[in-house]
C-alpha cells in the first residue's frame, strides 16, 4: 500500500490492481434512512472542490455501522454526492438506484 507524500493531496492512498496503480480517497460514512450518502468533494476552511477522474480513481466509503467498505469508481462522480441504498427506497423507486451491495467488490 502506498500513501501520498505531503498534505492537501486529493487522494488518501494508492492501491494496485492488475499492475495498475489506483488513487483512492477514503470516506467514513454513517447510514441514515437505509442509505449511505457519500460526498464526492473535498472541503476545508478555504474551498470546496469536487473530485474528478483525473485526481482519483475510487472513493472507498467505510460504513461505520456494518464495517463494510464500498468502492465507488470515478465514473459515478456525476454530482457532489452519491447515494448507496442499503435497503429498498420507501417510495418503492427502483430505477436510477445505486444498490450498496454492487459496490462491495474492488472492480
N, C-alpha and C. Protein backbone atom coordinates (compact mmCIF):
# COMPACT_ATOMS: atom_id res chain seq x y z
N UNK A 1 0.84 -1.17 0.00
CA UNK A 1 0.00 0.00 0.00
C UNK A 1 0.89 1.24 0.00
N UNK A 2 0.52 2.22 -0.79
CA UNK A 2 1.27 3.46 -0.90
C UNK A 2 0.44 4.62 -0.35
N UNK A 3 1.11 5.59 0.23
CA UNK A 3 0.45 6.78 0.75
C UNK A 3 1.06 8.01 0.10
N UNK A 4 0.28 9.05 -0.17
CA UNK A 4 0.84 10.27 -0.78
C UNK A 4 1.75 11.00 0.21
N UNK A 5 2.72 11.68 -0.32
CA UNK A 5 3.64 12.46 0.50
C UNK A 5 3.14 13.90 0.60
N UNK A 6 3.14 14.46 1.79
CA UNK A 6 2.74 15.85 1.99
C UNK A 6 1.27 15.97 2.33
N UNK A 7 0.80 17.20 2.36
CA UNK A 7 -0.59 17.47 2.73
C UNK A 7 -1.37 17.99 1.54
N UNK A 8 -2.69 18.02 1.69
CA UNK A 8 -3.62 18.54 0.69
C UNK A 8 -3.60 17.76 -0.62
N UNK A 9 -3.33 16.47 -0.55
CA UNK A 9 -3.44 15.63 -1.74
C UNK A 9 -4.91 15.27 -1.94
N UNK A 10 -5.31 15.01 -3.15
CA UNK A 10 -6.70 14.70 -3.46
C UNK A 10 -7.04 13.26 -3.09
N UNK A 11 -6.05 12.42 -2.88
CA UNK A 11 -6.31 11.02 -2.53
C UNK A 11 -5.59 10.68 -1.23
N UNK A 12 -6.07 9.60 -0.58
CA UNK A 12 -5.50 9.20 0.71
C UNK A 12 -4.51 8.05 0.60
N UNK A 13 -4.71 7.19 -0.37
CA UNK A 13 -3.81 6.05 -0.54
C UNK A 13 -3.85 5.58 -1.98
N UNK A 14 -2.92 4.70 -2.30
CA UNK A 14 -2.84 4.14 -3.65
C UNK A 14 -2.87 2.62 -3.51
N UNK A 15 -3.70 1.99 -4.33
CA UNK A 15 -3.76 0.53 -4.37
C UNK A 15 -3.32 0.07 -5.75
N UNK A 16 -2.97 -1.20 -5.85
CA UNK A 16 -2.58 -1.76 -7.14
C UNK A 16 -3.55 -2.87 -7.52
N UNK A 17 -4.01 -2.82 -8.76
CA UNK A 17 -4.89 -3.86 -9.28
C UNK A 17 -4.47 -4.14 -10.72
N UNK A 18 -4.19 -5.40 -10.99
CA UNK A 18 -3.77 -5.82 -12.33
C UNK A 18 -2.59 -5.01 -12.86
N UNK A 19 -1.64 -4.69 -11.98
CA UNK A 19 -0.44 -3.97 -12.38
C UNK A 19 -0.63 -2.47 -12.57
N UNK A 20 -1.80 -1.95 -12.23
CA UNK A 20 -2.07 -0.52 -12.39
C UNK A 20 -2.28 0.11 -11.01
N UNK A 21 -1.65 1.26 -10.78
CA UNK A 21 -1.82 1.96 -9.53
C UNK A 21 -3.08 2.83 -9.59
N UNK A 22 -3.90 2.76 -8.53
CA UNK A 22 -5.17 3.48 -8.47
C UNK A 22 -5.20 4.39 -7.25
N UNK A 23 -5.57 5.65 -7.46
CA UNK A 23 -5.63 6.63 -6.38
C UNK A 23 -7.00 6.51 -5.70
N UNK A 24 -6.99 6.40 -4.37
CA UNK A 24 -8.21 6.15 -3.61
C UNK A 24 -8.40 7.22 -2.54
N UNK A 25 -9.58 7.78 -2.48
CA UNK A 25 -9.99 8.72 -1.44
C UNK A 25 -10.86 7.92 -0.46
N UNK A 26 -10.59 8.03 0.84
CA UNK A 26 -11.31 7.27 1.85
C UNK A 26 -12.31 8.18 2.56
N UNK A 27 -13.54 7.67 2.74
CA UNK A 27 -14.59 8.41 3.44
C UNK A 27 -15.17 7.53 4.54
N UNK A 28 -15.45 8.11 5.69
CA UNK A 28 -16.10 7.45 6.83
C UNK A 28 -17.55 7.90 6.82
N UNK A 29 -18.49 6.95 6.66
CA UNK A 29 -19.89 7.29 6.45
C UNK A 29 -20.76 6.54 7.46
N UNK A 30 -21.78 7.19 7.96
CA UNK A 30 -22.78 6.55 8.80
C UNK A 30 -24.10 6.49 8.04
N UNK A 31 -24.77 5.33 8.06
CA UNK A 31 -26.03 5.21 7.32
C UNK A 31 -27.14 6.04 7.95
N UNK A 32 -28.06 6.47 7.08
CA UNK A 32 -29.23 7.22 7.52
C UNK A 32 -30.40 6.83 6.63
N UNK A 33 -31.49 6.40 7.22
CA UNK A 33 -32.70 6.02 6.48
C UNK A 33 -32.44 4.99 5.39
N UNK A 34 -31.63 3.99 5.71
CA UNK A 34 -31.39 2.89 4.77
C UNK A 34 -30.45 3.22 3.62
N UNK A 35 -29.67 4.28 3.77
CA UNK A 35 -28.77 4.68 2.69
C UNK A 35 -27.48 5.29 3.24
N UNK A 36 -26.47 5.26 2.39
CA UNK A 36 -25.21 5.94 2.67
C UNK A 36 -25.06 7.07 1.65
N UNK A 37 -24.90 8.27 2.12
CA UNK A 37 -24.66 9.40 1.22
C UNK A 37 -23.17 9.71 1.28
N UNK A 38 -22.51 9.50 0.16
CA UNK A 38 -21.06 9.63 0.08
C UNK A 38 -20.72 10.92 -0.67
N UNK A 39 -20.00 11.79 -0.01
CA UNK A 39 -19.58 13.04 -0.62
C UNK A 39 -18.52 12.79 -1.69
N UNK A 40 -18.69 13.41 -2.84
CA UNK A 40 -17.72 13.31 -3.94
C UNK A 40 -16.96 14.62 -4.06
N UNK A 41 -16.70 15.24 -2.92
CA UNK A 41 -15.99 16.51 -2.91
C UNK A 41 -15.13 16.60 -1.67
N UNK A 42 -14.21 17.50 -1.71
CA UNK A 42 -13.29 17.76 -0.61
C UNK A 42 -13.54 19.19 -0.13
N UNK A 43 -13.50 19.38 1.17
CA UNK A 43 -13.68 20.74 1.67
C UNK A 43 -12.73 21.00 2.83
N UNK A 44 -12.33 22.25 2.93
CA UNK A 44 -11.51 22.69 4.06
C UNK A 44 -11.97 24.10 4.41
N UNK A 45 -11.20 24.82 5.16
CA UNK A 45 -11.60 26.17 5.57
C UNK A 45 -11.65 27.17 4.42
N UNK A 46 -11.02 26.83 3.29
CA UNK A 46 -10.89 27.79 2.21
C UNK A 46 -11.67 27.46 0.95
N UNK A 47 -11.95 26.18 0.71
CA UNK A 47 -12.59 25.85 -0.56
C UNK A 47 -13.34 24.52 -0.50
N UNK A 48 -14.21 24.32 -1.48
CA UNK A 48 -14.91 23.06 -1.69
C UNK A 48 -14.69 22.68 -3.14
N UNK A 49 -14.13 21.50 -3.37
CA UNK A 49 -13.81 21.06 -4.73
C UNK A 49 -14.33 19.65 -4.96
N UNK A 50 -15.00 19.44 -6.10
CA UNK A 50 -15.44 18.10 -6.48
C UNK A 50 -14.23 17.30 -6.94
N UNK A 51 -14.27 15.98 -6.65
CA UNK A 51 -13.23 15.10 -7.15
C UNK A 51 -13.48 14.84 -8.64
N UNK A 52 -12.41 14.67 -9.37
CA UNK A 52 -12.52 14.35 -10.79
C UNK A 52 -11.80 13.03 -11.07
N UNK A 53 -12.09 12.44 -12.21
CA UNK A 53 -11.46 11.18 -12.60
C UNK A 53 -9.95 11.35 -12.81
N UNK A 54 -9.49 12.56 -13.08
CA UNK A 54 -8.05 12.80 -13.22
C UNK A 54 -7.35 12.77 -11.86
N UNK A 55 -8.09 13.10 -10.80
CA UNK A 55 -7.49 13.21 -9.47
C UNK A 55 -7.55 11.92 -8.67
N UNK A 56 -8.67 11.20 -8.75
CA UNK A 56 -8.80 9.94 -8.02
C UNK A 56 -9.53 8.92 -8.90
N UNK A 57 -9.29 7.66 -8.60
CA UNK A 57 -9.92 6.57 -9.35
C UNK A 57 -11.13 5.98 -8.61
N UNK A 58 -11.07 5.99 -7.28
CA UNK A 58 -12.13 5.41 -6.47
C UNK A 58 -12.32 6.21 -5.19
N UNK A 59 -13.52 6.14 -4.65
CA UNK A 59 -13.77 6.51 -3.26
C UNK A 59 -14.03 5.19 -2.54
N UNK A 60 -13.34 4.98 -1.44
CA UNK A 60 -13.59 3.83 -0.57
C UNK A 60 -14.40 4.36 0.60
N UNK A 61 -15.68 4.03 0.64
CA UNK A 61 -16.59 4.52 1.68
C UNK A 61 -16.73 3.45 2.76
N UNK A 62 -16.30 3.78 3.96
CA UNK A 62 -16.38 2.86 5.10
C UNK A 62 -17.68 3.10 5.84
N UNK A 63 -18.53 2.08 5.92
CA UNK A 63 -19.81 2.15 6.65
C UNK A 63 -19.51 1.90 8.13
N UNK A 64 -19.70 2.93 8.95
CA UNK A 64 -19.35 2.87 10.36
C UNK A 64 -20.19 1.87 11.16
N UNK A 65 -21.35 1.47 10.65
CA UNK A 65 -22.21 0.53 11.36
C UNK A 65 -21.90 -0.92 10.99
N UNK A 66 -21.88 -1.23 9.70
CA UNK A 66 -21.66 -2.61 9.26
C UNK A 66 -20.18 -2.97 9.17
N UNK A 67 -19.32 -1.97 8.99
CA UNK A 67 -17.90 -2.23 8.79
C UNK A 67 -17.56 -2.54 7.34
N UNK A 68 -18.57 -2.52 6.46
CA UNK A 68 -18.33 -2.77 5.04
C UNK A 68 -17.61 -1.59 4.39
N UNK A 69 -16.85 -1.88 3.36
CA UNK A 69 -16.20 -0.84 2.57
C UNK A 69 -16.78 -0.94 1.16
N UNK A 70 -17.24 0.20 0.65
CA UNK A 70 -17.84 0.27 -0.68
C UNK A 70 -16.89 1.03 -1.59
N UNK A 71 -16.58 0.46 -2.76
CA UNK A 71 -15.64 1.04 -3.69
C UNK A 71 -16.40 1.68 -4.85
N UNK A 72 -16.39 3.00 -4.90
CA UNK A 72 -17.15 3.75 -5.89
C UNK A 72 -16.19 4.29 -6.94
N UNK A 73 -16.33 3.84 -8.19
CA UNK A 73 -15.41 4.30 -9.24
C UNK A 73 -15.71 5.75 -9.64
N UNK A 74 -14.69 6.42 -10.15
CA UNK A 74 -14.83 7.83 -10.53
C UNK A 74 -15.89 8.04 -11.60
N UNK A 75 -16.23 7.01 -12.36
CA UNK A 75 -17.28 7.15 -13.38
C UNK A 75 -18.65 7.45 -12.77
N UNK A 76 -18.80 7.24 -11.46
CA UNK A 76 -20.07 7.51 -10.76
C UNK A 76 -20.10 8.90 -10.14
N UNK A 77 -19.02 9.68 -10.25
CA UNK A 77 -18.97 11.01 -9.64
C UNK A 77 -19.65 12.04 -10.54
N UNK A 78 -20.95 11.97 -10.69
CA UNK A 78 -21.65 12.91 -11.57
C UNK A 78 -22.28 14.07 -10.82
N UNK A 79 -22.12 14.10 -9.51
CA UNK A 79 -22.63 15.22 -8.72
C UNK A 79 -21.75 15.36 -7.48
N UNK A 80 -22.18 16.15 -6.53
CA UNK A 80 -21.36 16.37 -5.34
C UNK A 80 -21.48 15.24 -4.33
N UNK A 81 -22.45 14.32 -4.54
CA UNK A 81 -22.61 13.17 -3.65
C UNK A 81 -23.26 12.03 -4.41
N UNK A 82 -23.04 10.82 -3.92
CA UNK A 82 -23.71 9.65 -4.48
C UNK A 82 -24.37 8.92 -3.31
N UNK A 83 -25.57 8.43 -3.54
CA UNK A 83 -26.31 7.71 -2.50
C UNK A 83 -26.29 6.22 -2.82
N UNK A 84 -25.87 5.43 -1.85
CA UNK A 84 -25.87 3.98 -1.97
C UNK A 84 -27.00 3.45 -1.09
N UNK A 85 -27.94 2.74 -1.68
CA UNK A 85 -29.08 2.19 -0.94
C UNK A 85 -28.67 0.90 -0.24
N UNK A 86 -28.90 0.86 1.08
CA UNK A 86 -28.67 -0.35 1.87
C UNK A 86 -29.94 -1.20 1.93
N UNK A 87 -31.08 -0.53 1.81
CA UNK A 87 -32.38 -1.20 1.80
C UNK A 87 -33.26 -0.51 0.75
N UNK A 88 -34.39 -1.13 0.45
CA UNK A 88 -35.28 -0.59 -0.57
C UNK A 88 -35.75 0.82 -0.20
N UNK A 89 -35.93 1.64 -1.23
CA UNK A 89 -36.43 3.01 -1.01
C UNK A 89 -37.88 2.95 -0.53
N UNK A 90 -38.22 3.85 0.38
CA UNK A 90 -39.60 3.88 0.93
C UNK A 90 -40.64 4.17 -0.14
N UNK A 91 -40.27 4.93 -1.17
CA UNK A 91 -41.23 5.27 -2.22
C UNK A 91 -41.27 4.19 -3.32
N UNK A 92 -40.59 3.07 -3.07
CA UNK A 92 -40.58 1.91 -3.99
C UNK A 92 -39.82 2.17 -5.30
N UNK A 93 -39.10 3.28 -5.37
CA UNK A 93 -38.34 3.58 -6.58
C UNK A 93 -37.31 2.49 -6.83
N UNK A 94 -37.18 2.09 -8.10
CA UNK A 94 -36.22 1.05 -8.45
C UNK A 94 -35.24 1.50 -9.53
N UNK A 95 -35.64 2.46 -10.36
CA UNK A 95 -34.73 2.94 -11.40
C UNK A 95 -33.80 4.01 -10.83
N UNK A 96 -32.64 4.10 -11.40
CA UNK A 96 -31.62 5.09 -11.01
C UNK A 96 -31.21 4.97 -9.54
N UNK A 97 -31.25 3.75 -9.01
CA UNK A 97 -30.85 3.50 -7.63
C UNK A 97 -29.47 2.83 -7.66
N UNK A 98 -28.60 3.26 -6.77
CA UNK A 98 -27.29 2.63 -6.61
C UNK A 98 -27.37 1.69 -5.41
N UNK A 99 -27.46 0.39 -5.67
CA UNK A 99 -27.51 -0.58 -4.58
C UNK A 99 -26.12 -0.74 -3.99
N UNK A 100 -26.01 -0.55 -2.68
CA UNK A 100 -24.72 -0.61 -2.00
C UNK A 100 -24.00 -1.93 -2.26
N UNK A 101 -24.73 -3.02 -2.29
CA UNK A 101 -24.11 -4.34 -2.48
C UNK A 101 -23.33 -4.45 -3.78
N UNK A 102 -23.68 -3.63 -4.77
CA UNK A 102 -22.97 -3.67 -6.06
C UNK A 102 -21.59 -3.01 -6.00
N UNK A 103 -21.28 -2.35 -4.88
CA UNK A 103 -20.01 -1.64 -4.74
C UNK A 103 -19.09 -2.29 -3.70
N UNK A 104 -19.42 -3.51 -3.27
CA UNK A 104 -18.61 -4.18 -2.26
C UNK A 104 -17.28 -4.71 -2.80
N UNK A 105 -17.23 -5.02 -4.08
CA UNK A 105 -16.00 -5.55 -4.66
C UNK A 105 -15.18 -4.45 -5.33
N UNK A 106 -13.90 -4.55 -5.22
CA UNK A 106 -12.97 -3.60 -5.83
C UNK A 106 -12.81 -4.00 -7.27
N UNK A 107 -13.58 -3.38 -8.18
CA UNK A 107 -13.59 -3.78 -9.60
C UNK A 107 -12.77 -2.83 -10.44
